[in-house]
Amino acid sequence: MAKIVFFCIPAHGHTNPTLGVVRELVSLGHEVLYYSYNMLKEKIENTGAKFVSCDDYDMEQKLSPEDGARLGKDLAFSTKILVDTTLALDDMVCSQIKELQPDCIVADSMAIWGKCVALKFGIPFISSTTTFAFNQHSAKIMKQSIGQIFGMIFSMGKIQKDIIRLQNKGYPINNVLDIIKNDDNTDTIVYTSPEFQPCSETFSDKYTFIGPSIRPITDEIVKTHKKLIYISMGTVINNNAGFYHNCIKAFADTDFQVIMSVGNLTDMTKFKNLPENIFVYQNVDQIAVLSKADVFISHCGMNSVNESLYYGVPLVMFPQTPEQGGVANRVSQLKAGIMLKKNTVKNIQNAVKSLIDDGEYRKNAISISDGFKKCSGVKGAVEKILNICKKN
C-alpha cells in the first residue's frame, strides 16, 4: 500500500474538493497524512486520514482582517506570507517527511510548502488545483487593470528577496512563477472540466481534469415559491452588510423565495423584521439550496461556481478578488451568468430578471453541467495518484 501526504492552505474552498479523493484512497487501504489546520481537522479526520496540525506555524491565520483582505490582491504580500509559512514549517515538515518517506506528495497549488518539500527531497509531486489551471494562455482571463500590472512590476524586487530566502534553505525555487504557475512537466489534478477550463487544449497530458467534487446533500430544502434565489458571498470575504441589505430591498415582498447565507463574520442582529419571502442564515447546506435554486447571486469562488453550474443554475456575479474575477469572466464568456456592474438595488433586480427571462443562460449552465458529469471524478484523481506512486 502507498504512503501519500497531502498539504493544503487554511481554506474550506481549497480543502473540500480533496476530501472525496482522500476518502477513496483510505478506503482502498492506503496510508494518507494530511497537513492542514485545526479549523479543518474534523472534516479531514472523517475521511480516515491522519491529520497533522500546522496551526503553530502558519502566518496567514495570524493576520489582521485588513491584511487578510490583501491576500490574492497584492502579489508581493501574498508571496511573503507563503514564504514565511514555508520557512516556519521547514524544520517540522522536513524531519517528518525524511522519516516517513512517502511515495507521493499532493499539495494545493497555493500550499507552496508541499511543492517545495517535494522538490527538496525528490519525492514525486502532484499539484491539486481547485481554481483554474494557470499558464500564459489561461492567464488572459485575469483581466488586470493598468494599475495592477504596474503594481506587480514594482513588487518584483520584494518578491525576489523572498525567493532568495527559500533558496538559502535548500529549496530549488528560481522565481515567483515556480510558485504560482502550473507548468507542463508537473502532474496536476484540476477540479473542473476541460470545457470550463480556459484554454484547456494548451495544457500537457500531465493534467487531469476530473470535474468538480460535489458532496452529497445533507439537509432538505423546501421550495415554497415558483422561483428560488440563493445569495452567498462565500466563507472568507463575506462581511458585506450593504450588499446583503440591497438584496433584501431588491426582492422584498416579491414572488421570489430568497435564501441568503451571510457567514460567521456578519452580525445577524442587523437582519430584523425581514419580509416573509426572505430568509437569512449564517450557514446553509449550499448544495441542497442550489439543487432547488433558479438563480445564484455569488462572489464567484471557484467551488461555489462549480456547484451552481453542476445543478444548471445561472449566476449573478459580484467578485471580490482578482481570482474570483477570473472565474466570473469565464462564466460570462460562456454566457452562463451576468456580471453585476454596481452594488445597487436596481442593478441586482435587473440582473436577476435577465437571467430568468432569457432561457439561454440556464441552457448554457446545463451544458456546462453535462461536461462536469462526463469527467472521471474522484476515481480519476485516485488513479492518477496511484500511478505516480507506482513510478516511485
Protein backbone atom coordinates (compact mmCIF):
# COMPACT_ATOMS: atom_id res chain seq x y z
CA MET A 1 0.00 0.00 0.00
CA ALA A 2 1.13 3.54 -0.74
CA LYS A 3 2.04 6.33 1.68
CA ILE A 4 0.60 9.64 0.46
CA VAL A 5 0.96 13.09 2.01
CA PHE A 6 -1.46 15.96 1.35
CA PHE A 7 -0.81 19.65 2.07
CA CYS A 8 -3.39 22.42 1.92
CA ILE A 9 -3.95 26.03 2.96
CA PRO A 10 -6.43 27.03 5.71
CA ALA A 11 -9.40 27.40 3.40
CA HIS A 12 -12.57 25.31 3.07
CA GLY A 13 -12.77 26.04 -0.66
CA HIS A 14 -9.34 24.51 -1.28
CA THR A 15 -9.81 21.59 1.12
CA ASN A 16 -13.34 20.39 0.35
CA PRO A 17 -12.62 19.18 -3.22
CA THR A 18 -9.83 16.93 -1.95
CA LEU A 19 -11.83 15.15 0.73
CA GLY A 20 -13.54 12.67 -1.58
CA VAL A 21 -10.18 11.76 -3.10
CA VAL A 22 -8.65 11.20 0.34
CA ARG A 23 -11.63 9.15 1.47
CA GLU A 24 -11.33 6.90 -1.58
CA LEU A 25 -7.58 6.40 -1.08
CA VAL A 26 -8.12 5.43 2.56
CA SER A 27 -10.94 3.04 1.65
CA LEU A 28 -8.54 1.27 -0.70
CA GLY A 29 -6.12 0.68 2.19
CA HIS A 30 -3.56 3.42 1.52
CA GLU A 31 -1.98 5.48 4.29
CA VAL A 32 -2.77 9.20 3.99
CA LEU A 33 -1.34 12.01 6.12
CA TYR A 34 -2.95 15.42 5.68
CA TYR A 35 -1.08 18.55 6.79
CA SER A 36 -3.68 21.22 7.45
CA TYR A 37 -5.27 23.42 10.12
CA ASN A 38 -7.39 22.82 13.20
CA MET A 39 -10.42 24.54 11.66
CA LEU A 40 -10.49 21.67 9.16
CA LYS A 41 -9.43 18.84 11.47
CA GLU A 42 -12.85 17.20 11.84
CA LYS A 43 -13.52 17.21 8.10
CA ILE A 44 -10.15 15.65 7.35
CA GLU A 45 -10.28 13.03 10.09
CA ASN A 46 -13.76 11.99 8.91
CA THR A 47 -12.10 10.77 5.69
CA GLY A 48 -9.94 8.34 7.68
CA ALA A 49 -6.73 10.26 7.01
CA LYS A 50 -4.24 11.13 9.76
CA PHE A 51 -4.43 14.87 10.47
CA VAL A 52 -1.23 16.84 11.16
CA SER A 53 -1.74 20.35 12.54
CA CYS A 54 0.12 23.30 11.01
CA ASP A 55 -1.55 25.99 13.14
CA ASP A 56 1.53 26.84 15.20
CA TYR A 57 3.50 27.65 12.05
CA ASP A 58 1.01 29.32 9.74
CA MET A 59 1.37 33.05 9.06
CA GLU A 60 -1.94 33.60 7.28
CA GLN A 61 -4.08 32.88 10.34
CA LYS A 62 -2.11 35.46 12.35
CA LEU A 63 -3.04 38.28 10.00
CA SER A 64 -5.42 41.10 10.86
CA PRO A 65 -8.72 41.16 8.90
CA GLU A 66 -7.31 44.07 6.88
CA ASP A 67 -4.16 42.13 5.97
CA GLY A 68 -6.25 39.05 5.18
CA ALA A 69 -8.16 41.07 2.61
CA ARG A 70 -4.85 41.86 0.85
CA LEU A 71 -4.19 38.19 0.09
CA GLY A 72 -4.94 37.48 -3.56
CA LYS A 73 -4.74 41.20 -4.41
CA ASP A 74 -1.13 42.05 -3.50
CA LEU A 75 1.29 39.55 -5.09
CA ALA A 76 4.33 40.67 -3.08
CA PHE A 77 2.40 40.48 0.20
CA SER A 78 0.90 37.09 -0.68
CA THR A 79 4.31 35.72 -1.66
CA LYS A 80 5.82 36.91 1.62
CA ILE A 81 3.09 35.16 3.65
CA LEU A 82 3.53 31.92 1.67
CA VAL A 83 7.32 32.02 2.05
CA ASP A 84 7.07 32.89 5.76
CA THR A 85 4.79 29.88 6.29
CA THR A 86 7.06 27.59 4.26
CA LEU A 87 10.10 28.55 6.33
CA ALA A 88 8.19 28.33 9.61
CA LEU A 89 7.10 24.79 8.70
CA ASP A 90 10.54 23.82 7.39
CA ASP A 91 12.04 22.01 10.41
CA MET A 92 8.86 20.17 11.40
CA VAL A 93 7.81 19.07 7.94
CA CYS A 94 11.27 18.16 6.66
CA SER A 95 12.07 15.98 9.68
CA GLN A 96 8.76 14.15 9.39
CA ILE A 97 9.00 13.68 5.63
CA LYS A 98 12.52 12.28 5.99
CA GLU A 99 11.20 9.70 8.44
CA LEU A 100 8.00 8.89 6.57
CA GLN A 101 9.49 8.61 3.07
CA PRO A 102 6.14 8.99 1.28
CA ASP A 103 5.54 7.59 -2.18
CA CYS A 104 3.91 10.83 -3.29
CA ILE A 105 3.11 14.36 -2.13
CA VAL A 106 -0.14 16.04 -3.21
CA ALA A 107 -0.27 19.77 -2.44
CA ASP A 108 -2.73 22.52 -3.12
CA SER A 109 -1.38 24.89 -5.74
CA MET A 110 -1.23 27.61 -3.07
CA ALA A 111 0.38 25.40 -0.38
CA ILE A 112 3.84 26.02 -1.80
CA TRP A 113 5.48 24.34 1.19
CA GLY A 114 4.25 20.99 -0.11
CA LYS A 115 5.73 21.59 -3.54
CA CYS A 116 8.97 22.94 -2.04
CA VAL A 117 9.42 19.89 0.21
CA ALA A 118 8.77 17.51 -2.69
CA LEU A 119 11.40 19.30 -4.78
CA LYS A 120 13.87 19.38 -1.90
CA PHE A 121 13.68 15.63 -1.30
CA GLY A 122 13.00 14.45 -4.85
CA ILE A 123 9.59 12.99 -3.97
CA PRO A 124 7.01 12.55 -6.76
CA PHE A 125 4.66 15.53 -6.66
CA ILE A 126 1.10 16.27 -7.80
CA SER A 127 -0.43 19.73 -7.78
CA SER A 128 -4.03 19.90 -6.57
CA THR A 129 -5.62 22.84 -8.38
CA THR A 130 -9.02 23.85 -7.09
CA THR A 131 -9.09 27.01 -9.22
CA PHE A 132 -8.45 27.20 -12.97
CA ALA A 133 -5.06 25.88 -14.06
CA PHE A 134 -2.76 28.79 -14.80
CA ASN A 135 -0.43 29.29 -17.77
CA GLN A 136 0.33 32.15 -20.17
CA HIS A 137 -2.79 31.33 -22.19
CA SER A 138 -5.36 30.93 -19.41
CA ALA A 139 -3.91 33.97 -17.61
CA LYS A 140 -5.58 36.11 -20.25
CA ILE A 141 -8.86 35.54 -18.45
CA MET A 142 -7.47 37.51 -15.49
CA LYS A 143 -8.21 40.92 -16.94
CA GLN A 144 -5.99 43.15 -14.83
CA SER A 145 -6.05 46.91 -14.80
CA ILE A 146 -3.02 49.02 -15.72
CA GLY A 147 -2.60 49.83 -12.03
CA GLN A 148 -2.48 46.14 -11.09
CA ILE A 149 0.08 45.39 -13.81
CA PHE A 150 2.37 48.24 -12.71
CA GLY A 151 1.92 47.19 -9.10
CA MET A 152 3.09 43.67 -9.96
CA ILE A 153 6.14 45.00 -11.85
CA PHE A 154 7.17 47.27 -8.97
CA SER A 155 6.75 44.43 -6.45
CA MET A 156 9.16 42.06 -8.20
CA GLY A 157 12.15 43.27 -6.18
CA LYS A 158 10.42 42.41 -2.91
CA ILE A 159 9.30 39.06 -4.29
CA GLN A 160 12.81 38.09 -5.40
CA LYS A 161 14.14 38.71 -1.89
CA ASP A 162 11.63 36.17 -0.59
CA ILE A 163 12.66 33.68 -3.29
CA ILE A 164 16.28 34.03 -2.10
CA ARG A 165 15.12 33.20 1.44
CA LEU A 166 13.75 29.89 0.11
CA GLN A 167 16.92 29.20 -1.85
CA ASN A 168 19.02 29.75 1.29
CA LYS A 169 17.11 26.90 2.94
CA GLY A 170 17.82 24.50 0.10
CA TYR A 171 14.62 24.90 -1.90
CA PRO A 172 15.19 24.84 -5.69
CA ILE A 173 12.90 27.79 -6.47
CA ASN A 174 14.12 30.22 -9.13
CA ASN A 175 11.33 32.78 -9.36
CA VAL A 176 7.73 33.51 -8.39
CA LEU A 177 6.42 31.58 -11.40
CA ASP A 178 7.87 28.40 -9.87
CA ILE A 179 5.39 29.02 -7.05
CA ILE A 180 2.23 30.20 -8.78
CA LYS A 181 2.37 28.77 -12.30
CA ASN A 182 1.21 25.34 -13.41
CA ASP A 183 3.96 24.03 -15.70
CA ASP A 184 3.60 21.32 -18.34
CA ASN A 185 6.00 18.95 -16.55
CA THR A 186 4.10 18.80 -13.26
CA ASP A 187 1.38 16.20 -12.76
CA THR A 188 -1.73 18.18 -11.91
CA ILE A 189 -5.28 17.38 -10.83
CA VAL A 190 -7.74 20.12 -11.77
CA TYR A 191 -11.21 20.09 -10.21
CA THR A 192 -13.13 21.24 -13.26
CA SER A 193 -13.89 20.07 -16.79
CA PRO A 194 -11.85 20.67 -19.95
CA GLU A 195 -14.81 22.61 -21.34
CA PHE A 196 -14.94 25.03 -18.40
CA GLN A 197 -11.16 25.37 -18.02
CA PRO A 198 -9.96 28.26 -20.21
CA CYS A 199 -7.55 27.16 -22.94
CA SER A 200 -7.55 23.56 -21.72
CA GLU A 201 -6.05 22.43 -25.05
CA THR A 202 -2.85 24.34 -24.20
CA PHE A 203 -2.06 22.12 -21.20
CA SER A 204 0.00 18.93 -21.47
CA ASP A 205 -1.23 15.40 -20.84
CA LYS A 206 0.15 15.73 -17.30
CA TYR A 207 -3.12 17.49 -16.49
CA THR A 208 -6.18 15.51 -15.43
CA PHE A 209 -9.45 17.46 -15.41
CA ILE A 210 -11.61 15.41 -13.07
CA GLY A 211 -14.60 17.75 -12.76
CA PRO A 212 -15.86 19.37 -9.55
CA SER A 213 -16.08 17.39 -6.35
CA ILE A 214 -19.73 17.60 -5.31
CA ARG A 215 -20.55 16.23 -1.88
CA PRO A 216 -23.91 14.60 -1.11
CA ILE A 217 -26.85 16.74 0.03
CA THR A 218 -27.26 16.59 3.82
CA ASP A 219 -30.25 18.87 4.51
CA GLU A 220 -33.69 19.12 2.96
CA ILE A 221 -34.65 22.47 1.44
CA VAL A 222 -38.32 23.14 0.75
CA LYS A 223 -39.05 25.30 -2.28
CA THR A 224 -42.04 27.43 -1.35
CA HIS A 225 -42.22 29.70 -4.42
CA LYS A 226 -42.01 29.12 -8.15
CA LYS A 227 -38.58 30.78 -8.28
CA LEU A 228 -35.82 30.49 -5.66
CA ILE A 229 -32.92 32.95 -5.45
CA TYR A 230 -29.88 31.94 -3.42
CA ILE A 231 -27.39 34.58 -2.21
CA SER A 232 -23.96 33.92 -0.71
CA MET A 233 -20.61 35.71 -0.68
CA GLY A 234 -18.64 32.67 0.45
CA THR A 235 -16.73 31.88 3.64
CA VAL A 236 -13.84 34.39 3.51
CA ILE A 237 -14.63 37.95 2.34
CA ASN A 238 -18.30 37.88 3.26
CA ASN A 239 -18.74 40.77 5.71
CA ASN A 240 -20.69 42.87 3.23
CA ALA A 241 -23.78 44.10 5.03
CA GLY A 242 -24.51 46.82 2.47
CA PHE A 243 -24.72 44.29 -0.34
CA TYR A 244 -26.95 41.96 1.67
CA HIS A 245 -29.36 44.77 2.52
CA ASN A 246 -29.55 45.85 -1.12
CA CYS A 247 -30.52 42.29 -2.00
CA ILE A 248 -33.22 42.34 0.66
CA LYS A 249 -34.58 45.62 -0.74
CA ALA A 250 -34.42 44.24 -4.28
CA PHE A 251 -36.58 41.19 -3.53
CA ALA A 252 -38.71 42.21 -0.55
CA ASP A 253 -42.35 41.13 -0.92
CA THR A 254 -41.83 39.74 -4.43
CA ASP A 255 -42.83 36.38 -5.87
CA PHE A 256 -39.31 35.05 -5.22
CA GLN A 257 -38.28 32.84 -2.35
CA VAL A 258 -34.90 34.20 -1.21
CA ILE A 259 -32.37 32.25 0.87
CA MET A 260 -29.31 34.21 1.98
CA SER A 261 -26.20 32.80 3.67
CA VAL A 262 -24.13 35.61 5.25
CA GLY A 263 -21.36 33.70 7.05
CA ASN A 264 -19.98 33.95 10.57
CA LEU A 265 -18.48 37.45 10.21
CA THR A 266 -21.83 39.17 9.70
CA ASP A 267 -23.86 40.49 12.63
CA MET A 268 -27.19 38.66 12.44
CA THR A 269 -28.89 41.31 14.58
CA LYS A 270 -28.75 43.57 11.50
CA PHE A 271 -31.44 41.44 9.88
CA LYS A 272 -34.63 42.20 11.76
CA ASN A 273 -38.24 42.36 10.55
CA LEU A 274 -37.46 40.55 7.31
CA PRO A 275 -40.11 40.23 4.59
CA GLU A 276 -41.93 36.89 4.68
CA ASN A 277 -40.29 35.67 1.46
CA ILE A 278 -36.68 36.30 2.60
CA PHE A 279 -34.72 34.01 4.93
CA VAL A 280 -31.24 34.91 6.25
CA TYR A 281 -28.90 32.35 7.84
CA GLN A 282 -25.27 32.34 8.85
CA ASN A 283 -24.75 29.00 7.08
CA VAL A 284 -26.82 26.66 4.94
CA ASP A 285 -26.30 23.41 3.07
CA GLN A 286 -25.31 25.16 -0.15
CA ILE A 287 -25.56 22.01 -2.24
CA ALA A 288 -29.12 21.44 -1.04
CA VAL A 289 -30.16 25.01 -1.84
CA LEU A 290 -28.52 25.02 -5.29
CA SER A 291 -30.27 21.77 -6.17
CA LYS A 292 -33.54 23.75 -5.97
CA ALA A 293 -32.40 27.26 -6.96
CA ASP A 294 -33.17 29.19 -10.16
CA VAL A 295 -30.54 31.92 -9.72
CA PHE A 296 -27.39 32.16 -7.59
CA ILE A 297 -26.04 35.60 -6.60
CA SER A 298 -22.42 34.82 -5.82
CA HIS A 299 -18.92 36.17 -5.13
CA CYS A 300 -17.72 33.62 -7.71
CA GLY A 301 -15.41 31.47 -5.65
CA MET A 302 -14.46 28.51 -7.84
CA ASN A 303 -16.22 25.91 -5.70
CA SER A 304 -19.42 27.93 -5.48
CA VAL A 305 -19.48 28.43 -9.24
CA ASN A 306 -18.76 24.75 -9.89
CA GLU A 307 -21.58 23.74 -7.55
CA SER A 308 -24.00 26.20 -9.13
CA LEU A 309 -23.24 25.11 -12.68
CA TYR A 310 -23.31 21.42 -11.68
CA TYR A 311 -27.01 21.97 -10.93
CA GLY A 312 -27.51 24.08 -14.06
CA VAL A 313 -28.09 27.28 -12.07
CA PRO A 314 -27.02 30.54 -13.81
CA LEU A 315 -25.27 33.21 -11.77
CA VAL A 316 -25.35 36.90 -10.96
CA MET A 317 -21.67 37.51 -10.25
CA PHE A 318 -20.18 40.00 -7.77
CA PRO A 319 -16.49 39.01 -7.45
CA GLN A 320 -14.38 40.40 -4.59
CA THR A 321 -10.86 39.31 -5.62
CA PRO A 322 -8.90 39.02 -8.90
CA GLU A 323 -9.16 35.22 -8.74
CA GLN A 324 -12.94 35.42 -8.40
CA GLY A 325 -12.96 37.97 -11.21
CA GLY A 326 -11.23 35.46 -13.46
CA VAL A 327 -13.85 32.82 -12.69
CA ALA A 328 -16.62 35.33 -13.32
CA ASN A 329 -15.07 36.30 -16.67
CA ARG A 330 -15.13 32.65 -17.76
CA VAL A 331 -18.79 32.26 -16.79
CA SER A 332 -19.56 35.43 -18.74
CA GLN A 333 -17.69 34.13 -21.79
CA LEU A 334 -19.82 31.00 -21.76
CA LYS A 335 -22.97 33.07 -21.16
CA ALA A 336 -23.95 31.16 -18.04
CA GLY A 337 -24.14 34.28 -15.88
CA ILE A 338 -24.17 38.08 -15.70
CA MET A 339 -21.60 40.32 -14.02
CA LEU A 340 -23.11 42.75 -11.53
CA LYS A 341 -21.71 46.14 -12.54
CA LYS A 342 -22.74 48.09 -9.46
CA ASN A 343 -23.97 47.23 -5.99
CA THR A 344 -27.37 48.89 -6.33
CA VAL A 345 -30.90 47.63 -5.82
CA LYS A 346 -31.82 48.32 -9.45
CA ASN A 347 -28.76 46.54 -10.87
CA ILE A 348 -29.42 43.48 -8.72
CA GLN A 349 -33.06 43.38 -9.82
CA ASN A 350 -32.20 43.79 -13.50
CA ALA A 351 -29.51 41.09 -13.45
CA VAL A 352 -31.84 38.52 -11.90
CA LYS A 353 -34.64 39.46 -14.30
CA SER A 354 -32.32 38.98 -17.29
CA LEU A 355 -31.29 35.50 -16.14
CA ILE A 356 -34.87 34.41 -15.60
CA ASP A 357 -36.31 35.96 -18.78
CA ASP A 358 -33.53 34.74 -21.10
CA GLY A 359 -33.54 30.93 -21.05
CA GLU A 360 -30.18 30.85 -22.86
CA TYR A 361 -28.35 31.37 -19.56
CA ARG A 362 -29.97 28.33 -17.98
CA LYS A 363 -29.39 26.31 -21.14
CA ASN A 364 -25.67 27.16 -21.12
CA ALA A 365 -25.36 26.36 -17.42
CA ILE A 366 -26.90 22.93 -18.07
CA SER A 367 -24.45 22.37 -20.93
CA ILE A 368 -21.51 23.05 -18.59
CA SER A 369 -23.10 20.69 -16.07
CA ASP A 370 -23.20 17.94 -18.70
CA GLY A 371 -19.46 18.43 -19.23
CA PHE A 372 -18.81 18.16 -15.49
CA LYS A 373 -20.70 14.89 -15.26
CA LYS A 374 -18.67 13.32 -18.08
CA CYS A 375 -15.41 13.78 -16.15
CA SER A 376 -13.65 10.97 -14.30
CA GLY A 377 -14.27 12.45 -10.84
CA VAL A 378 -12.70 11.10 -7.66
CA LYS A 379 -11.73 7.82 -9.31
CA GLY A 380 -9.76 9.66 -11.97
CA ALA A 381 -7.81 11.55 -9.31
CA VAL A 382 -7.12 8.39 -7.32
CA GLU A 383 -5.95 6.55 -10.43
CA LYS A 384 -3.52 9.36 -11.24
CA ILE A 385 -2.12 9.49 -7.68
CA LEU A 386 -1.59 5.73 -7.50
CA ASN A 387 0.05 5.65 -10.95
CA ILE A 388 2.53 8.27 -9.74
CA CYS A 389 3.17 6.27 -6.56
CA LYS A 390 3.94 3.15 -8.61
CA LYS A 391 6.64 5.03 -10.50
CA ASN A 392 8.44 5.88 -7.26
